[in-house]
Amino acid sequence: MIASSFQASPSAGQAADQITVDIEKAFSAWHEVLIKNENEQEQQAAQEQLLEAVKQGKEALAALLREKLDLRDLAPVGMPDLPRQLTPGEASKPPVELERELWHLWQGKVFPNNATRPVYWNIAYTCWIEKGLLGDNLYKTLAPSNPKTLDKQTRSVLRNLGGLPRARGNVSTFSNCPMARAWWRCHVAHDATAIAGNPNLIFEDAHQALHKNAIWESLAMNSLRRVTVVNDSRLRSAIIEYLAAPVSKATNDTTCSQLIQNLAQLMLFYSPSLLSWESLSELVQTAAETIDAKAEADPDDELEDTSEEEDEAPSEDEDRVEPNQEHAEPNQAHNESGQGVPTPVGLGISSPASYDFPPPKATKLSSFLNRFKSS
């Protein structure tokens, strides 16, 4: 929890649980002013204030973040640090080697319950900015694609400071925030190898496969919004094993989603926990047969939220259907305010969502299903 990462100085005079509630509320309130605010003048003024602080430098931006997050004179305790000052390129798109360095450096400091929360990373970024670890050109670091409009610039900055939950839900933390994305990629790669125990996959290969933004985006989005059954540790490990293979046909977000959707149909009939690794590999290979290798990929450079429809998080009152949902039940913890906080399952994303897939197109996939149903 946030409270365990900060301690109040004697002058603060507040209990840790109350500080946590205040920070959470302040974070949400600030984002409500900055994004999708019906009061356009208020939104514009807040966005201009943020962008001006970014351009002024670390002192101005750190002061603004402390004010808006209601951090006051809190001193960070146990927050993750960076190994050195990063260049804008390293900070916005950490290379493979840096992600692994951060993963090892943050052992015992970053845990899934905190790493799912945009506000946690926003606080971490505040610490790094104060220490000058993100360099002097913060605009280049936080808005690397140099968006043309004030609103897009603001969204880019917020995504790179921890995520944009008001527009994309918590998936924004996994797919848009560079440092959160770096930690989660390594966490999932570790889970797919050391935890799941797949004898055919090593950490380095798993992480290399997940380091491609389009693949990672597809895996995260499907885990949260579409097919949470892939949060089964063994099945996800088999998927990553296939993605890491040179013969993989799932090379972009579109084809990766096709693979996962095909697997969802197969998962209607059995549990991956009862299958051997050889059977799981065969399952994934069969699902890959219907992938259209020529399918066009969506833009992958900055993972920008390019449309309002794409930005929107799924409605909480949607009818949601999940195949074999017993393997994707979210655990629930509670924060200090009494509100439910998802305890990470798989990627740490635990909200099942509805989907409706067409019948299998390929003969081999259809015959595989028929073979199973008749066995």
Protein backbone atom coordinates (compact mmCIF):
# COMPACT_ATOMS: atom_id res chain seq x y z
CA MET A 1 0.00 0.00 0.00
CA ILE A 2 1.02 3.60 -0.46
CA ALA A 3 1.11 4.13 3.29
CA SER A 4 3.90 1.59 3.66
CA SER A 5 6.00 3.51 1.16
CA PHE A 6 5.84 6.88 2.91
CA GLN A 7 6.27 8.03 6.45
CA ALA A 8 5.10 11.36 7.74
CA SER A 9 7.50 13.82 9.26
CA PRO A 10 6.63 14.94 12.82
CA SER A 11 5.03 18.12 11.50
CA ALA A 12 2.63 16.22 9.28
CA GLY A 13 0.75 14.84 12.24
CA GLN A 14 -1.45 12.39 10.34
CA ALA A 15 -1.92 8.64 10.54
CA ALA A 16 -0.53 6.60 7.68
CA ASP A 17 -3.93 5.27 6.64
CA GLN A 18 -5.39 8.77 6.41
CA ILE A 19 -2.40 9.89 4.31
CA THR A 20 -3.08 7.06 1.89
CA VAL A 21 -6.73 8.03 1.51
CA ASP A 22 -5.77 11.67 0.96
CA ILE A 23 -3.23 10.80 -1.73
CA GLU A 24 -5.65 8.54 -3.58
CA LYS A 25 -8.38 11.17 -3.50
CA ALA A 26 -6.03 13.94 -4.57
CA PHE A 27 -4.72 11.89 -7.49
CA SER A 28 -8.23 11.13 -8.76
CA ALA A 29 -9.43 14.70 -8.28
CA TRP A 30 -6.47 16.11 -10.22
CA HIS A 31 -7.00 13.75 -13.13
CA GLU A 32 -10.69 14.64 -13.21
CA VAL A 33 -9.71 18.26 -13.72
CA LEU A 34 -7.07 17.46 -16.35
CA ILE A 35 -8.93 14.91 -18.50
CA LYS A 36 -12.53 14.84 -19.80
CA ASN A 37 -13.50 17.83 -17.72
CA GLU A 38 -16.84 19.36 -18.75
CA ASN A 39 -15.50 22.74 -17.65
CA GLU A 40 -13.23 23.37 -20.64
CA GLN A 41 -11.70 26.54 -19.21
CA GLU A 42 -10.76 24.80 -15.97
CA GLN A 43 -9.28 21.87 -17.90
CA GLN A 44 -7.26 24.12 -20.19
CA ALA A 45 -5.86 26.11 -17.26
CA ALA A 46 -4.85 22.92 -15.43
CA GLN A 47 -3.27 21.43 -18.54
CA GLU A 48 -1.32 24.62 -19.25
CA GLN A 49 -0.09 24.64 -15.62
CA LEU A 50 1.15 21.05 -15.93
CA LEU A 51 2.87 21.57 -19.28
CA GLU A 52 4.51 24.77 -18.08
CA ALA A 53 5.91 22.96 -15.02
CA VAL A 54 7.24 20.16 -17.25
CA LYS A 55 9.04 22.69 -19.45
CA GLN A 56 10.43 24.65 -16.49
CA GLY A 57 12.23 21.63 -15.07
CA LYS A 58 12.48 19.27 -12.15
CA GLU A 59 11.94 21.77 -9.31
CA ALA A 60 8.75 23.19 -10.81
CA LEU A 61 7.30 19.81 -11.79
CA ALA A 62 8.18 18.10 -8.50
CA ALA A 63 6.59 20.96 -6.57
CA LEU A 64 3.42 20.74 -8.67
CA LEU A 65 3.20 16.96 -8.25
CA ARG A 66 3.63 17.22 -4.48
CA GLU A 67 0.91 19.85 -4.35
CA LYS A 68 -1.58 18.02 -6.57
CA LEU A 69 -0.97 14.61 -4.96
CA ASP A 70 -1.22 16.15 -1.50
CA LEU A 71 2.21 14.78 -0.55
CA ARG A 72 3.26 17.90 1.37
CA ASP A 73 6.39 17.14 3.41
CA LEU A 74 6.19 13.36 3.26
CA ALA A 75 9.52 11.60 2.99
CA PRO A 76 9.68 8.53 0.73
CA VAL A 77 10.63 5.30 2.47
CA GLY A 78 11.33 2.12 0.54
CA MET A 79 10.27 3.50 -2.83
CA PRO A 80 12.03 2.06 -5.90
CA ASP A 81 15.04 4.02 -7.10
CA LEU A 82 16.79 4.31 -10.44
CA PRO A 83 20.38 3.12 -10.87
CA ARG A 84 21.53 6.39 -12.46
CA GLN A 85 20.27 9.40 -14.38
CA LEU A 86 18.46 8.14 -17.47
CA THR A 87 18.43 9.68 -20.91
CA PRO A 88 15.05 10.67 -22.37
CA GLY A 89 15.21 7.62 -24.64
CA GLU A 90 15.92 5.24 -21.75
CA ALA A 91 13.20 6.78 -19.60
CA SER A 92 10.49 6.70 -22.27
CA LYS A 93 11.43 3.35 -23.82
CA PRO A 94 13.67 1.36 -21.49
CA PRO A 95 15.81 -1.11 -23.45
CA VAL A 96 15.87 -4.80 -22.57
CA GLU A 97 19.03 -4.54 -20.46
CA LEU A 98 17.70 -1.62 -18.42
CA GLU A 99 14.40 -3.36 -17.72
CA ARG A 100 16.27 -6.37 -16.34
CA GLU A 101 18.53 -4.12 -14.28
CA LEU A 102 15.47 -2.40 -12.77
CA TRP A 103 13.80 -5.74 -12.09
CA HIS A 104 16.78 -6.92 -10.02
CA LEU A 105 17.23 -3.52 -8.34
CA TRP A 106 13.59 -3.37 -7.27
CA GLN A 107 13.44 -6.84 -5.71
CA GLY A 108 11.84 -6.45 -2.28
CA LYS A 109 10.66 -2.90 -3.08
CA VAL A 110 8.01 -3.25 -5.78
CA PHE A 111 5.17 -5.72 -5.34
CA PRO A 112 2.15 -6.50 -7.54
CA ASN A 113 -0.41 -4.91 -5.23
CA ASN A 114 1.30 -1.53 -5.52
CA ALA A 115 2.50 -1.95 -9.09
CA THR A 116 -1.10 -2.13 -10.37
CA ARG A 117 -1.84 1.37 -9.08
CA PRO A 118 -1.16 4.48 -11.19
CA VAL A 119 -0.83 6.65 -8.09
CA TYR A 120 2.02 4.47 -6.80
CA TRP A 121 4.07 5.07 -9.93
CA ASN A 122 3.14 8.76 -9.92
CA ILE A 123 4.71 9.04 -6.47
CA ALA A 124 7.79 7.11 -7.63
CA TYR A 125 8.19 9.46 -10.60
CA THR A 126 7.90 12.43 -8.24
CA CYS A 127 10.86 11.06 -6.25
CA TRP A 128 12.92 10.46 -9.39
CA ILE A 129 12.19 13.92 -10.75
CA GLU A 130 13.21 15.53 -7.44
CA LYS A 131 16.52 13.66 -7.57
CA GLY A 132 17.15 14.65 -11.18
CA LEU A 133 17.18 11.02 -12.32
CA LEU A 134 15.02 11.72 -15.38
CA GLY A 135 17.39 14.33 -16.74
CA ASP A 136 16.96 18.01 -17.53
CA ASN A 137 14.71 17.79 -20.60
CA LEU A 138 11.57 16.49 -18.92
CA TYR A 139 9.32 17.39 -21.85
CA LYS A 140 11.31 15.11 -24.15
CA THR A 141 11.12 12.38 -21.51
CA LEU A 142 7.42 12.68 -20.71
CA ALA A 143 6.08 13.64 -24.16
CA PRO A 144 8.56 11.87 -26.46
CA SER A 145 6.31 11.90 -29.53
CA ASN A 146 5.82 15.69 -29.23
CA PRO A 147 2.00 15.70 -29.60
CA LYS A 148 0.50 18.69 -31.38
CA THR A 149 -2.43 19.63 -29.14
CA LEU A 150 -2.52 20.65 -25.47
CA ASP A 151 -4.82 17.76 -24.57
CA LYS A 152 -2.62 15.15 -26.27
CA GLN A 153 0.49 16.62 -24.66
CA THR A 154 -1.20 16.38 -21.25
CA ARG A 155 -2.27 12.80 -21.84
CA SER A 156 1.25 11.84 -22.91
CA VAL A 157 2.75 13.38 -19.77
CA LEU A 158 0.24 11.64 -17.50
CA ARG A 159 0.74 8.28 -19.20
CA ASN A 160 4.49 8.58 -18.69
CA LEU A 161 4.05 9.63 -15.05
CA GLY A 162 2.14 6.52 -14.03
CA GLY A 163 -0.79 6.00 -16.36
CA LEU A 164 -4.06 7.49 -17.51
CA PRO A 165 -6.76 5.56 -15.61
CA ARG A 166 -9.46 8.15 -16.26
CA ALA A 167 -9.25 7.40 -20.00
CA ARG A 168 -8.04 3.80 -20.19
CA GLY A 169 -8.55 2.28 -16.77
CA ASN A 170 -5.70 0.57 -14.93
CA VAL A 171 -4.50 -1.08 -18.14
CA SER A 172 -2.84 2.27 -18.86
CA THR A 173 -0.34 1.58 -16.08
CA PHE A 174 0.63 -1.76 -17.61
CA SER A 175 0.83 -0.56 -21.22
CA ASN A 176 1.64 3.17 -21.10
CA CYS A 177 3.82 3.91 -18.07
CA PRO A 178 7.41 3.01 -19.07
CA MET A 179 8.77 2.04 -15.66
CA ALA A 180 5.64 0.16 -14.61
CA ARG A 181 5.68 -1.63 -17.97
CA ALA A 182 9.34 -2.55 -17.47
CA TRP A 183 8.67 -4.09 -14.07
CA TRP A 184 5.57 -5.96 -15.18
CA ARG A 185 7.25 -7.43 -18.26
CA CYS A 186 9.98 -8.91 -16.10
CA HIS A 187 7.50 -9.99 -13.46
CA VAL A 188 5.42 -11.87 -16.03
CA ALA A 189 8.55 -13.37 -17.64
CA HIS A 190 9.69 -14.56 -14.20
CA ASP A 191 6.25 -16.00 -13.49
CA ALA A 192 6.21 -17.81 -16.85
CA THR A 193 9.57 -19.46 -16.16
CA ALA A 194 10.58 -19.75 -12.51
CA ILE A 195 7.06 -19.88 -11.07
CA ALA A 196 5.13 -21.81 -13.73
CA GLY A 197 8.06 -24.18 -14.18
CA ASN A 198 7.91 -24.42 -17.97
CA PRO A 199 10.95 -26.55 -18.92
CA ASN A 200 10.92 -25.19 -22.48
CA LEU A 201 11.26 -21.48 -21.60
CA ILE A 202 13.94 -19.35 -19.95
CA PHE A 203 13.54 -15.88 -18.47
CA GLU A 204 15.63 -14.09 -21.09
CA ASP A 205 13.61 -15.48 -24.00
CA ALA A 206 10.30 -14.78 -22.28
CA HIS A 207 11.27 -11.20 -21.49
CA GLN A 208 12.61 -10.58 -24.98
CA ALA A 209 9.27 -11.68 -26.46
CA LEU A 210 7.30 -9.46 -24.08
CA HIS A 211 9.55 -6.46 -24.71
CA LYS A 212 7.86 -5.77 -28.05
CA ASN A 213 5.23 -3.14 -27.28
CA ALA A 214 2.56 -4.59 -29.58
CA ILE A 215 2.82 -8.06 -28.03
CA TRP A 216 2.81 -6.70 -24.51
CA GLU A 217 -0.15 -4.41 -25.21
CA SER A 218 -2.18 -7.29 -26.63
CA LEU A 219 -1.40 -9.58 -23.70
CA ALA A 220 -2.26 -6.89 -21.14
CA MET A 221 -5.44 -5.76 -22.89
CA ASN A 222 -6.75 -9.29 -23.35
CA SER A 223 -5.95 -10.16 -19.75
CA LEU A 224 -7.89 -7.19 -18.42
CA ARG A 225 -10.73 -6.56 -20.80
CA ARG A 226 -11.36 -9.60 -22.91
CA VAL A 227 -10.05 -13.05 -22.05
CA THR A 228 -8.94 -13.26 -18.44
CA VAL A 229 -8.61 -17.02 -18.66
CA VAL A 230 -5.12 -16.40 -20.10
CA ASN A 231 -4.17 -15.32 -16.60
CA ASP A 232 -3.74 -18.98 -15.80
CA SER A 233 -0.02 -19.16 -15.12
CA ARG A 234 0.65 -22.35 -17.09
CA LEU A 235 -1.40 -21.35 -20.12
CA ARG A 236 0.18 -17.91 -20.24
CA SER A 237 3.62 -19.51 -20.02
CA ALA A 238 2.79 -21.71 -23.02
CA ILE A 239 1.59 -18.63 -24.92
CA ILE A 240 4.83 -16.78 -24.18
CA GLU A 241 6.83 -19.86 -25.18
CA TYR A 242 5.15 -19.71 -28.58
CA LEU A 243 5.61 -15.91 -28.87
CA ALA A 244 9.33 -16.34 -28.17
CA ALA A 245 9.76 -18.97 -30.90
CA PRO A 246 11.28 -17.88 -34.24
CA VAL A 247 8.34 -19.51 -36.08
CA SER A 248 5.72 -17.48 -34.20
CA LYS A 249 3.01 -16.05 -36.45
CA ALA A 250 1.83 -13.73 -33.67
CA THR A 251 4.13 -10.81 -34.44
CA ASN A 252 1.85 -7.81 -33.76
CA ASP A 253 -1.11 -6.87 -31.59
CA THR A 254 -3.68 -8.09 -34.12
CA THR A 255 -2.21 -11.55 -34.62
CA CYS A 256 -1.44 -11.95 -30.91
CA SER A 257 -5.08 -11.19 -30.12
CA GLN A 258 -6.17 -13.75 -32.72
CA LEU A 259 -4.02 -16.36 -30.99
CA ILE A 260 -5.48 -15.57 -27.57
CA GLN A 261 -9.05 -15.55 -28.89
CA ASN A 262 -8.57 -18.95 -30.51
CA LEU A 263 -7.21 -20.29 -27.23
CA ALA A 264 -10.26 -18.92 -25.41
CA GLN A 265 -12.47 -21.18 -27.54
CA LEU A 266 -10.35 -24.21 -26.68
CA MET A 267 -10.43 -23.29 -22.99
CA LEU A 268 -14.18 -23.82 -22.91
CA PHE A 269 -13.50 -27.54 -22.64
CA TYR A 270 -10.70 -28.18 -20.17
CA SER A 271 -8.34 -26.82 -17.56
CA PRO A 272 -4.67 -26.09 -18.39
CA SER A 273 -3.68 -27.29 -14.92
CA LEU A 274 -4.56 -30.84 -16.00
CA LEU A 275 -2.46 -30.76 -19.17
CA SER A 276 1.21 -31.56 -19.63
CA TRP A 277 3.55 -28.95 -21.06
CA GLU A 278 3.62 -30.91 -24.32
CA SER A 279 -0.19 -30.79 -24.52
CA LEU A 280 -0.22 -27.07 -23.74
CA SER A 281 2.31 -26.44 -26.51
CA GLU A 282 0.16 -28.45 -28.93
CA LEU A 283 -2.85 -26.43 -27.83
CA VAL A 284 -1.12 -23.13 -28.60
CA GLN A 285 0.23 -24.41 -31.91
CA THR A 286 -3.27 -25.47 -32.91
CA ALA A 287 -4.69 -22.08 -31.97
CA ALA A 288 -2.00 -20.46 -34.09
CA GLU A 289 -3.14 -22.31 -37.22
CA THR A 290 -5.92 -19.78 -37.88
CA ILE A 291 -3.77 -16.70 -37.41
CA ASP A 292 -3.72 -14.43 -40.43
CA ALA A 293 0.01 -13.74 -40.67
CA LYS A 294 -0.68 -10.83 -43.04
CA ALA A 295 -3.02 -9.04 -40.64
CA GLU A 296 -2.08 -5.42 -40.25
CA ALA A 297 -0.76 -4.25 -36.92
CA ASP A 298 -2.10 -1.25 -35.08
CA PRO A 299 0.34 1.66 -34.54
CA ASP A 300 2.92 0.56 -32.01
CA ASP A 301 5.41 3.39 -31.60
CA GLU A 302 4.07 5.19 -28.55
CA LEU A 303 0.96 3.16 -27.76
CA GLU A 304 -0.96 6.43 -27.94
CA ASP A 305 -4.67 6.36 -27.13
CA THR A 306 -5.78 7.37 -30.62
CA SER A 307 -9.54 7.39 -30.15
CA GLU A 308 -12.05 7.97 -27.39
CA GLU A 309 -13.51 4.53 -27.98
CA GLU A 310 -10.09 2.97 -27.51
CA ASP A 311 -9.47 5.06 -24.39
CA GLU A 312 -12.63 4.10 -22.57
CA ALA A 313 -12.44 1.53 -19.80
CA PRO A 314 -15.19 -1.12 -19.88
CA SER A 315 -18.40 -0.36 -18.04
CA GLU A 316 -18.65 -1.96 -14.61
CA ASP A 317 -22.26 -3.03 -15.16
CA GLU A 318 -21.64 -4.85 -18.44
CA ASP A 319 -22.79 -8.45 -18.71
CA ARG A 320 -19.54 -10.35 -18.57
CA VAL A 321 -19.02 -13.94 -19.62
CA GLU A 322 -15.77 -15.76 -19.06
CA PRO A 323 -14.98 -19.28 -20.24
CA ASN A 324 -13.76 -21.57 -17.48
CA GLN A 325 -13.91 -18.61 -15.14
CA GLU A 326 -12.84 -20.72 -12.18
CA HIS A 327 -9.28 -20.12 -13.38
CA ALA A 328 -9.62 -16.34 -13.46
CA GLU A 329 -11.41 -15.41 -10.26
CA PRO A 330 -10.02 -12.14 -8.91
CA ASN A 331 -8.94 -12.06 -5.32
CA GLN A 332 -9.92 -8.95 -3.41
CA ALA A 333 -7.94 -7.08 -0.82
CA HIS A 334 -9.02 -3.82 0.79
CA ASN A 335 -7.19 -0.56 1.05
CA GLU A 336 -7.32 1.70 4.04
CA SER A 337 -10.46 3.43 2.76
CA GLY A 338 -12.30 0.09 2.71
CA GLN A 339 -12.53 -0.04 -1.08
CA GLY A 340 -11.76 -3.23 -2.93
CA VAL A 341 -8.35 -3.44 -4.57
CA PRO A 342 -7.75 -6.31 -7.01
CA THR A 343 -5.08 -8.67 -5.78
CA PRO A 344 -3.15 -9.47 -8.94
CA VAL A 345 -3.94 -12.70 -10.73
CA GLY A 346 -1.51 -13.42 -13.54
CA LEU A 347 -0.59 -10.00 -14.87
CA GLY A 348 -2.23 -8.46 -11.86
CA ILE A 349 -5.29 -7.59 -13.92
CA SER A 350 -8.41 -9.27 -12.72
CA SER A 351 -11.49 -7.72 -14.35
CA PRO A 352 -13.19 -10.25 -16.63
CA ALA A 353 -14.93 -8.84 -19.68
CA SER A 354 -17.43 -10.13 -22.20
CA TYR A 355 -16.54 -11.24 -25.68
CA ASP A 356 -18.14 -13.03 -28.60
CA PHE A 357 -15.85 -14.91 -30.94
CA PRO A 358 -16.85 -16.23 -34.37
CA PRO A 359 -16.71 -19.99 -35.05
CA PRO A 360 -13.25 -21.42 -35.82
CA LYS A 361 -12.23 -20.75 -39.41
CA ALA A 362 -9.60 -23.40 -39.95
CA THR A 363 -10.28 -27.08 -40.36
CA LYS A 364 -7.52 -28.05 -37.96
CA LEU A 365 -8.89 -25.91 -35.12
CA SER A 366 -12.41 -27.23 -35.72
CA SER A 367 -11.20 -30.82 -35.78
CA PHE A 368 -9.20 -30.25 -32.60
CA LEU A 369 -12.36 -29.06 -30.84
CA ASN A 370 -14.39 -31.97 -32.18
CA ARG A 371 -11.68 -34.41 -31.17
CA PHE A 372 -11.70 -33.12 -27.63
CA LYS A 373 -15.52 -33.11 -27.33
CA SER A 374 -15.71 -36.69 -28.53
CA SER A 375 -12.97 -37.94 -26.22
